[in-house]
Amino acid sequence: MRLAMILILCSMTLASFAQPIDEAPTGFDDKSNGLVDDATHAADLDTFDEIEVIADGLGPLYNAQACRECHQDPTSGGASQVTELRVGHRGPNGRFENPSIPIARGTEVITGRSLVNDRAICPNGTFTDTEIHERVPARENVRTTRLSLNLLGDGFVEAVADQTLIDLAGAQCTSTHGRICGQVLRVPVLEAPGHTGIGRFGWKNQHASLVSLSGDAYVNEMGITSRLFPQEFTNLCNQAVEPNDTPGDDGLDDIEHFARFIRATKAPARDAILAQTAPAKRGAVLFQRIGCAICHVPSLTTAAPGTAINGGLFIIPEALGNKKFYPYGDFLLHNLGTGDGIAVAMPEHYGHHLYMSRYRDFSPSQFQRAMNKIRTAPLWGVRLRTRLMHDGASVTLIDAVLRHRGEAAEVRRRFKTLSVSDQEALLEFLRTL
């Protein structure tokens, strides 16, 4: 099984053999990976770090005032210990249903999203008697927290060909005789109406494009509307003109600056010193041997420069094309027995204005199939995290390993049969990532 998987992955990695494949740059130095010059990257970083206020359109419901509040370890674009709250309930047919959350003493009800915002802009000086904070009703008994994700290096993730992820899912299923089968989601590319792509961003793979992801986060985490999400989830206390995010003097709006910033980031760097130790090297071998690498795929290669993605609106440049990077993840959905039971909420992630008839190869029913699945956590940068798994409930590496069940049950069993020294070697390898 392992040999077959390795051969398949090698063939995928060499898919672009006609052109030279380079290593993707790594580091935490806030420098561009070559997509733009460093001055442009620094300006995009400033936009990413900018603190939003009510006059900018912050709220009415929100979680953070800047992208960096949730993505800033060890530098802007990284992960954090910050979590968001999601809830809902099961309907009579067992399907997940989005919550109904009353605000303003029950005069309005928030629907169409599983996210519960922790903050609100009022009561404030203008709206002294309007209280709109969301509180979870007892009936919404499907609940979870989700950790903020790393964004560094995600430009390379976006540049992986859809077919590469489709083939990877098939290779897993074939090599494990159906025991491990990553689920592929085809999702709307919001900036290119009518076009879809293979989801790879977010814990539920709800987005394929970094522009789409940026628009989603801007409205749901900060309450700032854009051309992709022109509507608020409540207009109570809202004073800013919609959409809040409009093009600047350079013709780009904030979500385009966010996407360009992420695309230009370098991939997370490993601990090069620890990686050279004998225990870490032995742990790397064991990681492969017991099957961790089936889902935590060590390396992927991006599509060739000049390839059109995201409905043809983004052409992969030289800085991102034919690059080999090491995410230790497959960007597919799996059932590990830790799933939160929450399905992707359509209005929340794709907007109230989504016209389903435009997307012939997109069916929301696939989201219900994935309600107990979570995207494989890429392990690059895991050494910098104090809270692990999608909910942050695991605080040691061994706890996270032992939580793996479902599709990963056999791999977990193999880990438990290792000697104590071999287990520690494998964990030492993880500490290098």
Foldseek 3Di string as FASTA:
>chain_A
DLVLLVVLQVCQLCVVVVDDFAAQFADDPQAFLPPDHRVLLVVLVCLQADFADLQLQFDQFAAGRGNQVAAQVVHRQHGDQDKWKFWFAADPVRFTAADWWAFQVRPHTQGLARTAGQDGPDPDPVNVNGTGHTDDDPRRPQMFIFTGHGLFPCLLVLQAAQVSLVSLQVSLCVVVVRLWGFDWAWEALQVQFLDTGTFQDDFLSRDSAQLLVLQLCCCHRGNAHDPQAFDHSDCVVRDYDTNSWAADPVRDTSSVSNRVSSSGGTFHAFQVVLCPDPLLVLLVVVCSVLPLCSFQPFKGFGAAFQDADSNRPDTRHPSNHSHIYGQRGSSGKDQQVQASQAFGRCCSSRNPPRDPVSHPPHDSVVRSVRRRITGTRRLRVVLSDQADDGRSPDRAPVVVLCSGHRSCPSSSVVLVPDDPSNNVSNSSNSNRD
